[in-house]
Structure formats: structure tokens, C-alpha cells
Amino acid sequence: MGSPQIAIQSDGVVVKVVTLDVTNDASHTQALELETEGSGNKYRMIFKTENIQKILSGGYEIKVSSKGIAHFKNTKFPIEYYITTEVGSTFEASK
């Protein structure tokens, strides 16, 4: 992952993980659509790649909060992480 940031984002229906550089709009990005349903909330939660790389490999259930924090819970082992989002993150609750 050569990009300095990773975002978990949703348009309310589709949820994606996107690599990006928030300081360079012209930088190359990659996106991976997740096999999950959106909650109706629209968000773009940005994380430093270096923080995500510290997470142990495996499957995770991820919950994002409008307060700027994400909870990563391993689906097989009792491992959990709370990671704060970076400046520029947005969250719009569904109506």
C-alpha cells in the first residue's frame, strides 16, 4: 500500500475501501467494493495507512462512528482495535 491514507467510504448503499493521498487530488487511487450493505449513512472515514498496517492479518467486522473513531473486531480471535480518523473525514447520518 503505497498511498499515505486509506478511506472506508459509503454513499449510503455501497461500501468501499479506497487508497488515496488527501494532499494530492491527482494521485492514483484504488478502490475495493466490500460485500456488505450500506446502512444508509454517507461517510468517508480516512485513516493513516501506517495505522492500518499495524493491524494483525485476518477478517474484521468494522464499525465506524460519526464521532471519528472506528472499531475493528477480529472475526476469529479476541482482538479489537479502536482507530481514530484523520482530518477531512466526513459522516452524514441517514434521515
PDB file of N, CA and C in Angstrom:
ATOM      1  N   MET A   1       0.840  -1.174   0.000  1.00  0.00           N
ATOM      2  CA  MET A   1       0.000   0.000   0.000  1.00  0.00           C
ATOM      3  C   MET A   1       0.890   1.245   0.000  1.00  0.00           C
ATOM      4  N   GLY A   2       1.060   1.816  -1.178  1.00  0.00           N
ATOM      5  CA  GLY A   2       1.929   2.961  -1.316  1.00  0.00           C
ATOM      6  C   GLY A   2       1.261   4.288  -1.012  1.00  0.00           C
ATOM      7  N   SER A   3      -0.036   4.310  -0.822  1.00  0.00           N
ATOM      8  CA  SER A   3      -0.734   5.558  -0.548  1.00  0.00           C
ATOM      9  C   SER A   3      -0.659   5.892   0.937  1.00  0.00           C
ATOM     10  N   PRO A   4      -0.582   7.193   1.275  1.00  0.00           N
ATOM     11  CA  PRO A   4      -0.462   7.566   2.684  1.00  0.00           C
ATOM     12  C   PRO A   4      -1.746   7.411   3.501  1.00  0.00           C
ATOM     13  N   GLN A   5      -2.904   7.352   2.809  1.00  0.00           N
ATOM     14  CA  GLN A   5      -4.162   7.191   3.528  1.00  0.00           C
ATOM     15  C   GLN A   5      -5.028   6.093   2.904  1.00  0.00           C
ATOM     16  N   ILE A   6      -5.904   5.583   3.752  1.00  0.00           N
ATOM     17  CA  ILE A   6      -6.921   4.613   3.343  1.00  0.00           C
ATOM     18  C   ILE A   6      -8.252   5.163   3.854  1.00  0.00           C
ATOM     19  N   ALA A   7      -9.286   5.060   3.042  1.00  0.00           N
ATOM     20  CA  ALA A   7     -10.607   5.521   3.479  1.00  0.00           C
ATOM     21  C   ALA A   7     -11.603   4.376   3.398  1.00  0.00           C
ATOM     22  N   ILE A   8     -12.487   4.321   4.354  1.00  0.00           N
ATOM     23  CA  ILE A   8     -13.668   3.471   4.276  1.00  0.00           C
ATOM     24  C   ILE A   8     -14.787   4.441   3.967  1.00  0.00           C
ATOM     25  N   GLN A   9     -15.457   4.234   2.840  1.00  0.00           N
ATOM     26  CA  GLN A   9     -16.474   5.199   2.445  1.00  0.00           C
ATOM     27  C   GLN A   9     -17.726   4.531   1.927  1.00  0.00           C
ATOM     28  N   SER A  10     -18.831   5.240   2.062  1.00  0.00           N
ATOM     29  CA  SER A  10     -20.113   4.726   1.614  1.00  0.00           C
ATOM     30  C   SER A  10     -20.965   5.870   1.097  1.00  0.00           C
ATOM     31  N   ASP A  11     -21.712   5.578   0.036  1.00  0.00           N
ATOM     32  CA  ASP A  11     -22.691   6.531  -0.489  1.00  0.00           C
ATOM     33  C   ASP A  11     -24.065   6.259   0.121  1.00  0.00           C
ATOM     34  N   GLY A  12     -24.094   5.403   1.126  1.00  0.00           N
ATOM     35  CA  GLY A  12     -25.334   5.010   1.786  1.00  0.00           C
ATOM     36  C   GLY A  12     -25.777   3.617   1.384  1.00  0.00           C
ATOM     37  N   VAL A  13     -25.288   3.156   0.222  1.00  0.00           N
ATOM     38  CA  VAL A  13     -25.658   1.837  -0.293  1.00  0.00           C
ATOM     39  C   VAL A  13     -24.423   0.947  -0.442  1.00  0.00           C
ATOM     40  N   VAL A  14     -23.427   1.435  -1.166  1.00  0.00           N
ATOM     41  CA  VAL A  14     -22.201   0.683  -1.447  1.00  0.00           C
ATOM     42  C   VAL A  14     -21.106   1.134  -0.480  1.00  0.00           C
ATOM     43  N   VAL A  15     -20.362   0.170   0.064  1.00  0.00           N
ATOM     44  CA  VAL A  15     -19.252   0.459   0.961  1.00  0.00           C
ATOM     45  C   VAL A  15     -17.963   0.044   0.256  1.00  0.00           C
ATOM     46  N   LYS A  16     -16.955   0.929   0.291  1.00  0.00           N
ATOM     47  CA  LYS A  16     -15.674   0.673  -0.368  1.00  0.00           C
ATOM     48  C   LYS A  16     -14.516   1.003   0.560  1.00  0.00           C
ATOM     49  N   VAL A  17     -13.380   0.352   0.289  1.00  0.00           N
ATOM     50  CA  VAL A  17     -12.104   0.727   0.875  1.00  0.00           C
ATOM     51  C   VAL A  17     -11.314   1.346  -0.266  1.00  0.00           C
ATOM     52  N   VAL A  18     -10.772   2.536  -0.030  1.00  0.00           N
ATOM     53  CA  VAL A  18     -10.096   3.289  -1.082  1.00  0.00           C
ATOM     54  C   VAL A  18      -8.721   3.729  -0.594  1.00  0.00           C
ATOM     55  N   THR A  19      -7.699   3.570  -1.444  1.00  0.00           N
ATOM     56  CA  THR A  19      -6.383   4.123  -1.145  1.00  0.00           C
ATOM     57  C   THR A  19      -6.328   5.519  -1.746  1.00  0.00           C
ATOM     58  N   LEU A  20      -5.691   6.456  -1.058  1.00  0.00           N
ATOM     59  CA  LEU A  20      -5.660   7.823  -1.546  1.00  0.00           C
ATOM     60  C   LEU A  20      -4.545   8.633  -0.910  1.00  0.00           C
ATOM     61  N   ASP A  21      -4.343   9.809  -1.456  1.00  0.00           N
ATOM     62  CA  ASP A  21      -3.437  10.812  -0.895  1.00  0.00           C
ATOM     63  C   ASP A  21      -4.260  12.088  -0.805  1.00  0.00           C
ATOM     64  N   VAL A  22      -4.662  12.467   0.389  1.00  0.00           N
ATOM     65  CA  VAL A  22      -5.557  13.610   0.545  1.00  0.00           C
ATOM     66  C   VAL A  22      -4.894  14.934   0.184  1.00  0.00           C
ATOM     67  N   THR A  23      -3.568  14.970   0.094  1.00  0.00           N
ATOM     68  CA  THR A  23      -2.873  16.208  -0.265  1.00  0.00           C
ATOM     69  C   THR A  23      -2.676  16.347  -1.764  1.00  0.00           C
ATOM     70  N   ASN A  24      -3.042  15.309  -2.536  1.00  0.00           N
ATOM     71  CA  ASN A  24      -2.830  15.337  -3.986  1.00  0.00           C
ATOM     72  C   ASN A  24      -4.032  14.723  -4.692  1.00  0.00           C
ATOM     73  N   ASP A  25      -4.942  15.561  -5.155  1.00  0.00           N
ATOM     74  CA  ASP A  25      -6.146  15.089  -5.840  1.00  0.00           C
ATOM     75  C   ASP A  25      -5.831  14.330  -7.125  1.00  0.00           C
ATOM     76  N   ALA A  26      -4.660  14.576  -7.723  1.00  0.00           N
ATOM     77  CA  ALA A  26      -4.294  13.924  -8.982  1.00  0.00           C
ATOM     78  C   ALA A  26      -3.626  12.565  -8.766  1.00  0.00           C
ATOM     79  N   SER A  27      -3.413  12.177  -7.518  1.00  0.00           N
ATOM     80  CA  SER A  27      -2.742  10.904  -7.248  1.00  0.00           C
ATOM     81  C   SER A  27      -3.631   9.722  -7.621  1.00  0.00           C
ATOM     82  N   HIS A  28      -2.982   8.611  -7.920  1.00  0.00           N
ATOM     83  CA  HIS A  28      -3.697   7.387  -8.301  1.00  0.00           C
ATOM     84  C   HIS A  28      -4.391   6.813  -7.076  1.00  0.00           C
ATOM     85  N   THR A  29      -5.627   6.378  -7.253  1.00  0.00           N
ATOM     86  CA  THR A  29      -6.361   5.724  -6.171  1.00  0.00           C
ATOM     87  C   THR A  29      -6.839   4.357  -6.638  1.00  0.00           C
ATOM     88  N   GLN A  30      -7.057   3.480  -5.695  1.00  0.00           N
ATOM     89  CA  GLN A  30      -7.629   2.169  -5.969  1.00  0.00           C
ATOM     90  C   GLN A  30      -8.796   1.978  -5.013  1.00  0.00           C
ATOM     91  N   ALA A  31      -9.822   1.263  -5.485  1.00  0.00           N
ATOM     92  CA  ALA A  31     -10.997   1.031  -4.642  1.00  0.00           C
ATOM     93  C   ALA A  31     -11.387  -0.438  -4.690  1.00  0.00           C
ATOM     94  N   LEU A  32     -11.839  -0.937  -3.566  1.00  0.00           N
ATOM     95  CA  LEU A  32     -12.325  -2.301  -3.444  1.00  0.00           C
ATOM     96  C   LEU A  32     -13.707  -2.240  -2.813  1.00  0.00           C
ATOM     97  N   GLU A  33     -14.708  -2.704  -3.549  1.00  0.00           N
ATOM     98  CA  GLU A  33     -16.075  -2.721  -3.017  1.00  0.00           C
ATOM     99  C   GLU A  33     -16.208  -3.893  -2.060  1.00  0.00           C
ATOM    100  N   LEU A  34     -16.758  -3.625  -0.880  1.00  0.00           N
ATOM    101  CA  LEU A  34     -16.919  -4.661   0.137  1.00  0.00           C
ATOM    102  C   LEU A  34     -18.253  -5.373  -0.046  1.00  0.00           C
ATOM    103  N   GLU A  35     -18.282  -6.622   0.339  1.00  0.00           N
ATOM    104  CA  GLU A  35     -19.501  -7.423   0.237  1.00  0.00           C
ATOM    105  C   GLU A  35     -20.354  -7.207   1.476  1.00  0.00           C
ATOM    106  N   THR A  36     -20.901  -6.022   1.583  1.00  0.00           N
ATOM    107  CA  THR A  36     -21.760  -5.669   2.705  1.00  0.00           C
ATOM    108  C   THR A  36     -22.749  -4.614   2.233  1.00  0.00           C
ATOM    109  N   GLU A  37     -23.835  -4.493   2.930  1.00  0.00           N
ATOM    110  CA  GLU A  37     -24.838  -3.483   2.594  1.00  0.00           C
ATOM    111  C   GLU A  37     -24.552  -2.207   3.372  1.00  0.00           C
ATOM    112  N   GLY A  38     -24.745  -1.080   2.728  1.00  0.00           N
ATOM    113  CA  GLY A  38     -24.620   0.192   3.417  1.00  0.00           C
ATOM    114  C   GLY A  38     -25.755   0.369   4.410  1.00  0.00           C
ATOM    115  N   SER A  39     -25.525   1.220   5.394  1.00  0.00           N
ATOM    116  CA  SER A  39     -26.513   1.457   6.453  1.00  0.00           C
ATOM    117  C   SER A  39     -27.432   2.631   6.134  1.00  0.00           C
ATOM    118  N   GLY A  40     -27.208   3.257   4.986  1.00  0.00           N
ATOM    119  CA  GLY A  40     -27.942   4.468   4.654  1.00  0.00           C
ATOM    120  C   GLY A  40     -27.137   5.711   4.991  1.00  0.00           C
ATOM    121  N   ASN A  41     -26.145   5.560   5.878  1.00  0.00           N
ATOM    122  CA  ASN A  41     -25.275   6.676   6.234  1.00  0.00           C
ATOM    123  C   ASN A  41     -24.262   6.906   5.115  1.00  0.00           C
ATOM    124  N   LYS A  42     -23.938   8.169   4.883  1.00  0.00           N
ATOM    125  CA  LYS A  42     -22.920   8.522   3.896  1.00  0.00           C
ATOM    126  C   LYS A  42     -21.695   8.988   4.663  1.00  0.00           C
ATOM    127  N   TYR A  43     -20.540   8.399   4.351  1.00  0.00           N
ATOM    128  CA  TYR A  43     -19.340   8.759   5.087  1.00  0.00           C
ATOM    129  C   TYR A  43     -18.083   8.519   4.266  1.00  0.00           C
ATOM    130  N   ARG A  44     -17.040   9.160   4.712  1.00  0.00           N
ATOM    131  CA  ARG A  44     -15.687   8.930   4.192  1.00  0.00           C
ATOM    132  C   ARG A  44     -14.779   9.055   5.398  1.00  0.00           C
ATOM    133  N   MET A  45     -14.394   7.926   5.952  1.00  0.00           N
ATOM    134  CA  MET A  45     -13.550   7.887   7.132  1.00  0.00           C
ATOM    135  C   MET A  45     -12.121   7.618   6.672  1.00  0.00           C
ATOM    136  N   ILE A  46     -11.247   8.565   6.919  1.00  0.00           N
ATOM    137  CA  ILE A  46      -9.872   8.499   6.432  1.00  0.00           C
ATOM    138  C   ILE A  46      -8.948   8.075   7.567  1.00  0.00           C
ATOM    139  N   PHE A  47      -8.045   7.136   7.252  1.00  0.00           N
ATOM    140  CA  PHE A  47      -7.076   6.623   8.218  1.00  0.00           C
ATOM    141  C   PHE A  47      -5.669   6.696   7.618  1.00  0.00           C
ATOM    142  N   LYS A  48      -4.674   6.880   8.472  1.00  0.00           N
ATOM    143  CA  LYS A  48      -3.295   6.788   8.006  1.00  0.00           C
ATOM    144  C   LYS A  48      -3.019   5.328   7.676  1.00  0.00           C
ATOM    145  N   THR A  49      -2.399   5.095   6.532  1.00  0.00           N
ATOM    146  CA  THR A  49      -2.059   3.732   6.118  1.00  0.00           C
ATOM    147  C   THR A  49      -1.176   3.063   7.170  1.00  0.00           C
ATOM    148  N   GLU A  50      -0.259   3.806   7.748  1.00  0.00           N
ATOM    149  CA  GLU A  50       0.656   3.230   8.738  1.00  0.00           C
ATOM    150  C   GLU A  50      -0.101   2.677   9.948  1.00  0.00           C
ATOM    151  N   ASN A  51      -1.232   3.270  10.312  1.00  0.00           N
ATOM    152  CA  ASN A  51      -2.028   2.751  11.432  1.00  0.00           C
ATOM    153  C   ASN A  51      -2.763   1.471  11.053  1.00  0.00           C
ATOM    154  N   ILE A  52      -3.264   1.400   9.836  1.00  0.00           N
ATOM    155  CA  ILE A  52      -3.977   0.205   9.375  1.00  0.00           C
ATOM    156  C   ILE A  52      -3.009  -0.964   9.212  1.00  0.00           C
ATOM    157  N   GLN A  53      -1.791  -0.685   8.790  1.00  0.00           N
ATOM    158  CA  GLN A  53      -0.810  -1.745   8.587  1.00  0.00           C
ATOM    159  C   GLN A  53      -0.397  -2.425   9.895  1.00  0.00           C
ATOM    160  N   LYS A  54      -0.660  -1.804  11.027  1.00  0.00           N
ATOM    161  CA  LYS A  54      -0.309  -2.384  12.329  1.00  0.00           C
ATOM    162  C   LYS A  54      -1.316  -3.441  12.787  1.00  0.00           C
ATOM    163  N   ILE A  55      -2.461  -3.510  12.119  1.00  0.00           N
ATOM    164  CA  ILE A  55      -3.490  -4.486  12.481  1.00  0.00           C
ATOM    165  C   ILE A  55      -3.046  -5.878  12.044  1.00  0.00           C
ATOM    166  N   LEU A  56      -3.223  -6.856  12.910  1.00  0.00           N
ATOM    167  CA  LEU A  56      -2.891  -8.230  12.563  1.00  0.00           C
ATOM    168  C   LEU A  56      -3.777  -8.713  11.423  1.00  0.00           C
ATOM    169  N   SER A  57      -3.226  -9.538  10.558  1.00  0.00           N
ATOM    170  CA  SER A  57      -3.981 -10.074   9.416  1.00  0.00           C
ATOM    171  C   SER A  57      -5.182 -10.873   9.891  1.00  0.00           C
ATOM    172  N   GLY A  58      -6.228 -10.878   9.068  1.00  0.00           N
ATOM    173  CA  GLY A  58      -7.423 -11.649   9.382  1.00  0.00           C
ATOM    174  C   GLY A  58      -8.670 -10.921   8.945  1.00  0.00           C
ATOM    175  N   GLY A  59      -9.810 -11.542   9.207  1.00  0.00           N
ATOM    176  CA  GLY A  59     -11.095 -10.938   8.890  1.00  0.00           C
ATOM    177  C   GLY A  59     -11.553 -10.066  10.044  1.00  0.00           C
ATOM    178  N   TYR A  60     -12.142  -8.924   9.714  1.00  0.00           N
ATOM    179  CA  TYR A  60     -12.586  -7.987  10.740  1.00  0.00           C
ATOM    180  C   TYR A  60     -13.993  -7.489  10.464  1.00  0.00           C
ATOM    181  N   GLU A  61     -14.743  -7.312  11.530  1.00  0.00           N
ATOM    182  CA  GLU A  61     -16.014  -6.593  11.485  1.00  0.00           C
ATOM    183  C   GLU A  61     -15.648  -5.162  11.853  1.00  0.00           C
ATOM    184  N   ILE A  62     -16.044  -4.202  11.013  1.00  0.00           N
ATOM    185  CA  ILE A  62     -15.656  -2.810  11.235  1.00  0.00           C
ATOM    186  C   ILE A  62     -16.905  -1.962  11.421  1.00  0.00           C
ATOM    187  N   LYS A  63     -16.904  -1.181  12.484  1.00  0.00           N
ATOM    188  CA  LYS A  63     -17.989  -0.232  12.729  1.00  0.00           C
ATOM    189  C   LYS A  63     -17.374   1.156  12.787  1.00  0.00           C
ATOM    190  N   VAL A  64     -17.954   2.085  12.019  1.00  0.00           N
ATOM    191  CA  VAL A  64     -17.471   3.462  12.027  1.00  0.00           C
ATOM    192  C   VAL A  64     -18.457   4.338  12.776  1.00  0.00           C
ATOM    193  N   SER A  65     -17.935   5.302  13.494  1.00  0.00           N
ATOM    194  CA  SER A  65     -18.758   6.183  14.303  1.00  0.00           C
ATOM    195  C   SER A  65     -18.724   7.599  13.737  1.00  0.00           C
ATOM    196  N   SER A  66     -19.808   8.296  13.886  1.00  0.00           N
ATOM    197  CA  SER A  66     -19.859   9.693  13.476  1.00  0.00           C
ATOM    198  C   SER A  66     -18.915  10.549  14.318  1.00  0.00           C
ATOM    199  N   LYS A  67     -18.436  10.011  15.417  1.00  0.00           N
ATOM    200  CA  LYS A  67     -17.531  10.729  16.324  1.00  0.00           C
ATOM    201  C   LYS A  67     -16.074  10.663  15.877  1.00  0.00           C
ATOM    202  N   GLY A  68     -15.796   9.980  14.753  1.00  0.00           N
ATOM    203  CA  GLY A  68     -14.434   9.946  14.223  1.00  0.00           C
ATOM    204  C   GLY A  68     -13.573   8.822  14.754  1.00  0.00           C
ATOM    205  N   ILE A  69     -14.192   7.705  15.051  1.00  0.00           N
ATOM    206  CA  ILE A  69     -13.435   6.542  15.512  1.00  0.00           C
ATOM    207  C   ILE A  69     -14.024   5.299  14.861  1.00  0.00           C
ATOM    208  N   ALA A  70     -13.166   4.324  14.620  1.00  0.00           N
ATOM    209  CA  ALA A  70     -13.611   3.059  14.040  1.00  0.00           C
ATOM    210  C   ALA A  70     -13.210   1.918  14.963  1.00  0.00           C
ATOM    211  N   HIS A  71     -14.079   0.927  15.042  1.00  0.00           N
ATOM    212  CA  HIS A  71     -13.845  -0.255  15.867  1.00  0.00           C
ATOM    213  C   HIS A  71     -13.624  -1.436  14.929  1.00  0.00           C
ATOM    214  N   PHE A  72     -12.449  -2.033  15.001  1.00  0.00           N
ATOM    215  CA  PHE A  72     -12.089  -3.202  14.202  1.00  0.00           C
ATOM    216  C   PHE A  72     -12.085  -4.403  15.142  1.00  0.00           C
ATOM    217  N   LYS A  73     -12.949  -5.385  14.888  1.00  0.00           N
ATOM    218  CA  LYS A  73     -13.043  -6.571  15.740  1.00  0.00           C
ATOM    219  C   LYS A  73     -12.767  -7.805  14.892  1.00  0.00           C
ATOM    220  N   ASN A  74     -11.745  -8.564  15.271  1.00  0.00           N
ATOM    221  CA  ASN A  74     -11.379  -9.771  14.542  1.00  0.00           C
ATOM    222  C   ASN A  74     -12.518 -10.779  14.627  1.00  0.00           C
ATOM    223  N   THR A  75     -12.805 -11.451  13.515  1.00  0.00           N
ATOM    224  CA  THR A  75     -13.932 -12.386  13.473  1.00  0.00           C
ATOM    225  C   THR A  75     -13.588 -13.771  14.008  1.00  0.00           C
ATOM    226  N   LYS A  76     -12.298 -14.066  14.238  1.00  0.00           N
ATOM    227  CA  LYS A  76     -11.918 -15.386  14.750  1.00  0.00           C
ATOM    228  C   LYS A  76     -11.251 -15.354  16.114  1.00  0.00           C
ATOM    229  N   PHE A  77     -10.575 -14.271  16.424  1.00  0.00           N
ATOM    230  CA  PHE A  77      -9.794 -14.198  17.657  1.00  0.00           C
ATOM    231  C   PHE A  77     -10.239 -12.997  18.489  1.00  0.00           C
ATOM    232  N   PRO A  78      -9.997 -13.024  19.793  1.00  0.00           N
ATOM    233  CA  PRO A  78     -10.408 -11.906  20.648  1.00  0.00           C
ATOM    234  C   PRO A  78      -9.453 -10.714  20.526  1.00  0.00           C
ATOM    235  N   ILE A  79      -9.418 -10.135  19.330  1.00  0.00           N
ATOM    236  CA  ILE A  79      -8.549  -8.990  19.056  1.00  0.00           C
ATOM    237  C   ILE A  79      -9.433  -7.839  18.589  1.00  0.00           C
ATOM    238  N   GLU A  80      -9.235  -6.672  19.199  1.00  0.00           N
ATOM    239  CA  GLU A  80     -10.010  -5.492  18.830  1.00  0.00           C
ATOM    240  C   GLU A  80      -9.091  -4.278  18.773  1.00  0.00           C
ATOM    241  N   TYR A  81      -9.404  -3.369  17.866  1.00  0.00           N
ATOM    242  CA  TYR A  81      -8.661  -2.120  17.733  1.00  0.00           C
ATOM    243  C   TYR A  81      -9.653  -0.968  17.625  1.00  0.00           C
ATOM    244  N   TYR A  82      -9.288   0.151  18.208  1.00  0.00           N
ATOM    245  CA  TYR A  82     -10.025   1.396  18.023  1.00  0.00           C
ATOM    246  C   TYR A  82      -9.051   2.360  17.359  1.00  0.00           C
ATOM    247  N   ILE A  83      -9.420   2.869  16.196  1.00  0.00           N
ATOM    248  CA  ILE A  83      -8.525   3.743  15.443  1.00  0.00           C
ATOM    249  C   ILE A  83      -9.269   5.034  15.121  1.00  0.00           C
ATOM    250  N   THR A  84      -8.637   6.161  15.421  1.00  0.00           N
ATOM    251  CA  THR A  84      -9.260   7.448  15.131  1.00  0.00           C
ATOM    252  C   THR A  84      -9.058   7.808  13.664  1.00  0.00           C
ATOM    253  N   THR A  85      -9.971   8.599  13.156  1.00  0.00           N
ATOM    254  CA  THR A  85      -9.912   9.034  11.766  1.00  0.00           C
ATOM    255  C   THR A  85      -9.064  10.299  11.654  1.00  0.00           C
ATOM    256  N   GLU A  86      -8.722  10.622  10.434  1.00  0.00           N
ATOM    257  CA  GLU A  86      -7.899  11.790  10.153  1.00  0.00           C
ATOM    258  C   GLU A  86      -8.756  12.989   9.760  1.00  0.00           C
ATOM    259  N   VAL A  87      -8.147  14.142   9.761  1.00  0.00           N
ATOM    260  CA  VAL A  87      -8.799  15.380   9.337  1.00  0.00           C
ATOM    261  C   VAL A  87      -9.311  15.200   7.906  1.00  0.00           C
ATOM    262  N   GLY A  88     -10.499  15.659   7.641  1.00  0.00           N
ATOM    263  CA  GLY A  88     -11.105  15.528   6.325  1.00  0.00           C
ATOM    264  C   GLY A  88     -12.143  14.424   6.264  1.00  0.00           C
ATOM    265  N   SER A  89     -12.229  13.616   7.314  1.00  0.00           N
ATOM    266  CA  SER A  89     -13.242  12.579   7.373  1.00  0.00           C
ATOM    267  C   SER A  89     -14.618  13.222   7.496  1.00  0.00           C
ATOM    268  N   THR A  90     -15.620  12.571   6.898  1.00  0.00           N
ATOM    269  CA  THR A  90     -16.977  13.115   6.949  1.00  0.00           C
ATOM    270  C   THR A  90     -17.963  12.008   7.303  1.00  0.00           C
ATOM    271  N   PHE A  91     -19.088  12.394   7.894  1.00  0.00           N
ATOM    272  CA  PHE A  91     -20.142  11.455   8.241  1.00  0.00           C
ATOM    273  C   PHE A  91     -21.482  12.174   8.170  1.00  0.00           C
ATOM    274  N   GLU A  92     -22.395  11.663   7.367  1.00  0.00           N
ATOM    275  CA  GLU A  92     -23.737  12.213   7.249  1.00  0.00           C
ATOM    276  C   GLU A  92     -24.737  11.096   7.530  1.00  0.00           C
ATOM    277  N   ALA A  93     -25.423  11.224   8.663  1.00  0.00           N
ATOM    278  CA  ALA A  93     -26.388  10.191   9.068  1.00  0.00           C
ATOM    279  C   ALA A  93     -27.590  10.196   8.133  1.00  0.00           C
ATOM    280  N   SER A  94     -28.130   9.001   7.899  1.00  0.00           N
ATOM    281  CA  SER A  94     -29.322   8.884   7.061  1.00  0.00           C
ATOM    282  C   SER A  94     -30.504   9.517   7.788  1.00  0.00           C
ATOM    283  N   LYS A  95     -31.461   9.970   7.010  1.00  0.00           N
ATOM    284  CA  LYS A  95     -32.609  10.668   7.603  1.00  0.00           C
ATOM    285  C   LYS A  95     -33.776   9.740   7.771  1.00  0.00           C
TER     286      LYS A  95
END
